[in-house]
Amino acid sequence: MKIKKYLLLGVSMMILAGCGGESEETNGEAEEGMGTLSAESEEGSDAETDRATESGSESNEESSEEEPTHDTGLLDLSDTEEGWLNFEGDVGGNAEYRITPEIEYNPDTDYEINNGAYVTYYNGDEFIKTVQQGKGTIEQVEEADNIRVSYHSSFGNKIALTEQ
C-alpha cells in the first residue's frame, strides 16, 4: 500500500514536469534565460482591457512602439530594436521583445520602472550585467554609466523609466 502511494506520487511528478517543459518547446524558439517576464505573467487581465480600448481597426504593435501614447520618461521607444539583452550581454533573437537605445545612467540617482523588464548595465561599451527587474526602483550599479532596457513588446504602450 505504501509503495503504491509513492509510485503514484512519482508518476504524477514526472507527468507535471513533462507538461511544464512542453510549453516552452512549442514556442518555436529557445528562450534561454528569459525568466518569467512574459505578457501573461505581467499583464494578467490588463491585456483584455487594453485590447478592448483600442480602436476598431487592427493596430500593429510596432506602430504603437514607434509613437507611444504615454509619457515614457527616459525611454526612447521610437528607436528600439528587436530582441532582448541576455545575462551575458548578447542580443537574443526574440521578436516579442524590444531593446531601447542607450540611456545615460547615474548610479547616485534612483530610477523607477513601472513594468517588468530586463535592465542591462554598461560602463561605456563594456557590458557589466543584466538584471531581471520588476516594477519599482531599479538596482544601482556603481560602475555603470549607461543602461539599456529590454521589454516585452506588449508593454510598449505603458512602460516608463523615470528619475526619482
Protein backbone atom coordinates (compact mmCIF):
# COMPACT_ATOMS: atom_id res chain seq x y z
CA MET A 1 0.00 0.00 0.00
CA LYS A 2 2.82 2.42 0.90
CA ILE A 3 4.71 1.63 -2.29
CA LYS A 4 1.58 2.29 -4.33
CA LYS A 5 1.29 5.82 -2.92
CA TYR A 6 4.95 6.62 -3.64
CA LEU A 7 4.68 5.19 -7.15
CA LEU A 8 1.58 7.28 -7.85
CA LEU A 9 3.26 10.39 -6.44
CA GLY A 10 6.40 9.78 -8.52
CA VAL A 11 4.44 9.25 -11.75
CA SER A 12 2.39 12.39 -11.08
CA MET A 13 5.54 14.46 -10.58
CA MET A 14 7.07 13.13 -13.81
CA ILE A 15 3.91 13.98 -15.76
CA LEU A 16 3.78 17.50 -14.32
CA ALA A 17 7.48 18.04 -15.04
CA GLY A 18 6.97 16.84 -18.61
CA CYS A 19 3.99 19.15 -19.13
CA GLY A 20 5.97 22.12 -17.84
CA GLY A 21 8.69 21.61 -20.46
CA GLU A 22 6.24 21.30 -23.37
CA SER A 23 5.01 24.87 -23.18
CA GLU A 24 8.50 26.24 -23.79
CA GLU A 25 9.21 23.88 -26.68
CA THR A 26 6.01 24.69 -28.55
CA ASN A 27 7.11 28.32 -28.64
CA GLY A 28 9.28 27.60 -31.69
CA GLU A 29 12.31 29.41 -30.28
CA ALA A 30 14.61 28.60 -27.41
CA GLU A 31 14.17 31.33 -24.83
CA GLU A 32 17.08 30.51 -22.57
CA GLY A 33 17.31 32.71 -19.51
CA MET A 34 14.13 34.60 -20.35
CA GLY A 35 12.94 34.34 -16.76
CA THR A 36 9.28 34.95 -16.02
CA LEU A 37 8.63 38.22 -17.79
CA SER A 38 6.02 37.11 -20.25
CA ALA A 39 3.00 39.06 -21.31
CA GLU A 40 0.78 36.62 -19.45
CA SER A 41 2.60 36.92 -16.12
CA GLU A 42 2.94 40.70 -16.09
CA GLU A 43 -0.27 41.79 -17.79
CA GLY A 44 -2.86 39.37 -16.48
CA SER A 45 -6.33 40.62 -17.25
CA ASP A 46 -4.99 44.05 -18.26
CA ALA A 47 -4.39 42.66 -21.75
CA GLU A 48 -8.09 42.19 -22.35
CA THR A 49 -8.85 45.67 -21.05
CA ASP A 50 -6.15 47.20 -23.28
CA ARG A 51 -7.45 45.35 -26.34
CA ALA A 52 -10.99 46.49 -25.63
CA THR A 53 -9.95 50.14 -25.57
CA GLU A 54 -8.10 50.01 -28.90
CA SER A 55 -9.81 51.45 -31.95
CA GLY A 56 -11.93 49.18 -34.17
CA SER A 57 -9.18 48.74 -36.73
CA GLU A 58 -6.37 46.28 -36.12
CA SER A 59 -3.31 48.05 -34.75
CA ASN A 60 0.26 46.96 -35.28
CA GLU A 61 2.29 46.59 -32.07
CA GLU A 62 5.33 48.10 -33.74
CA SER A 63 3.44 51.26 -34.67
CA SER A 64 2.41 51.74 -31.03
CA GLU A 65 6.06 51.43 -30.02
CA GLU A 66 7.18 53.95 -32.60
CA GLU A 67 4.67 56.50 -31.35
CA PRO A 68 4.00 55.89 -27.66
CA THR A 69 0.78 57.42 -26.39
CA HIS A 70 2.01 57.83 -22.82
CA ASP A 71 4.91 59.52 -21.05
CA THR A 72 7.82 57.07 -21.34
CA GLY A 73 10.14 59.16 -19.19
CA LEU A 74 13.77 58.42 -20.11
CA LEU A 75 12.90 55.64 -22.58
CA ASP A 76 13.05 56.36 -26.32
CA LEU A 77 10.57 53.81 -27.69
CA SER A 78 10.65 55.27 -31.19
CA ASP A 79 14.12 53.81 -31.87
CA THR A 80 14.00 50.29 -30.41
CA GLU A 81 15.48 47.15 -31.91
CA GLU A 82 14.08 43.63 -31.96
CA GLY A 83 15.34 41.15 -29.36
CA TRP A 84 16.46 41.26 -25.76
CA LEU A 85 19.78 41.52 -23.95
CA ASN A 86 20.51 38.27 -22.11
CA PHE A 87 22.50 37.74 -18.92
CA GLU A 88 25.79 37.61 -20.88
CA GLY A 89 25.07 40.91 -22.65
CA ASP A 90 24.31 39.31 -26.03
CA VAL A 91 21.25 40.16 -28.11
CA GLY A 92 18.83 37.25 -28.12
CA GLY A 93 16.61 36.95 -31.17
CA ASN A 94 13.04 37.07 -29.95
CA ALA A 95 10.57 39.12 -32.00
CA GLU A 96 8.32 39.58 -28.95
CA TYR A 97 10.93 41.69 -27.14
CA ARG A 98 12.32 45.17 -27.83
CA ILE A 99 15.58 46.86 -26.76
CA THR A 100 15.86 50.60 -26.12
CA PRO A 101 18.83 52.69 -27.20
CA GLU A 102 21.43 53.62 -24.54
CA ILE A 103 20.14 55.69 -21.64
CA GLU A 104 22.54 57.86 -19.66
CA TYR A 105 22.77 56.47 -16.13
CA ASN A 106 23.97 57.99 -12.86
CA PRO A 107 24.49 55.42 -10.07
CA ASP A 108 23.80 58.12 -7.45
CA THR A 109 20.28 58.64 -8.81
CA ASP A 110 17.30 56.36 -8.16
CA TYR A 111 15.40 55.25 -11.26
CA GLU A 112 11.95 53.71 -11.22
CA ILE A 113 10.42 51.43 -13.85
CA ASN A 114 6.68 50.88 -13.96
CA ASN A 115 6.68 47.40 -15.61
CA GLY A 116 8.80 44.28 -15.55
CA ALA A 117 11.82 44.45 -17.85
CA TYR A 118 15.47 43.45 -18.21
CA VAL A 119 17.91 46.24 -17.37
CA THR A 120 21.41 45.89 -18.83
CA TYR A 121 24.21 47.95 -17.29
CA TYR A 122 27.30 49.19 -19.18
CA ASN A 123 30.42 51.21 -18.48
CA GLY A 124 30.93 52.83 -21.88
CA ASP A 125 30.62 49.90 -24.30
CA GLU A 126 31.72 47.35 -21.69
CA PHE A 127 28.92 45.04 -20.50
CA ILE A 128 28.57 44.80 -16.71
CA LYS A 129 25.40 42.76 -16.11
CA THR A 130 21.73 42.24 -16.93
CA VAL A 131 19.13 42.24 -14.15
CA GLN A 132 15.57 40.95 -14.38
CA GLN A 133 13.70 43.88 -12.86
CA GLY A 134 10.14 44.00 -11.61
CA LYS A 135 8.09 47.15 -11.12
CA GLY A 136 9.84 49.63 -8.82
CA THR A 137 13.29 51.11 -8.22
CA ILE A 138 15.97 49.54 -10.41
CA GLU A 139 19.19 48.18 -8.97
CA GLN A 140 22.03 50.69 -8.53
CA VAL A 141 25.33 49.65 -10.14
CA GLU A 142 28.23 51.93 -9.12
CA GLU A 143 30.48 51.32 -12.14
CA ALA A 144 27.73 51.81 -14.77
CA ASP A 145 27.33 54.98 -16.84
CA ASN A 146 24.58 53.82 -19.24
CA ILE A 147 21.81 51.25 -19.41
CA ARG A 148 19.55 49.63 -21.99
CA VAL A 149 16.11 48.23 -21.24
CA SER A 150 14.64 45.08 -22.83
CA TYR A 151 10.88 44.68 -22.51
CA HIS A 152 8.05 42.58 -23.91
CA SER A 153 6.54 44.35 -26.91
CA SER A 154 3.07 44.25 -25.33
CA PHE A 155 4.36 46.69 -22.67
CA GLY A 156 5.23 49.32 -25.31
CA ASN A 157 2.04 51.23 -24.66
CA LYS A 158 2.66 51.60 -20.93
CA ILE A 159 6.34 51.14 -19.95
CA ALA A 160 8.22 54.10 -18.48
CA LEU A 161 11.54 54.75 -16.73
CA THR A 162 11.80 57.86 -14.57
CA GLU A 163 14.37 59.52 -12.31
CA GLN A 164 13.30 59.81 -8.68
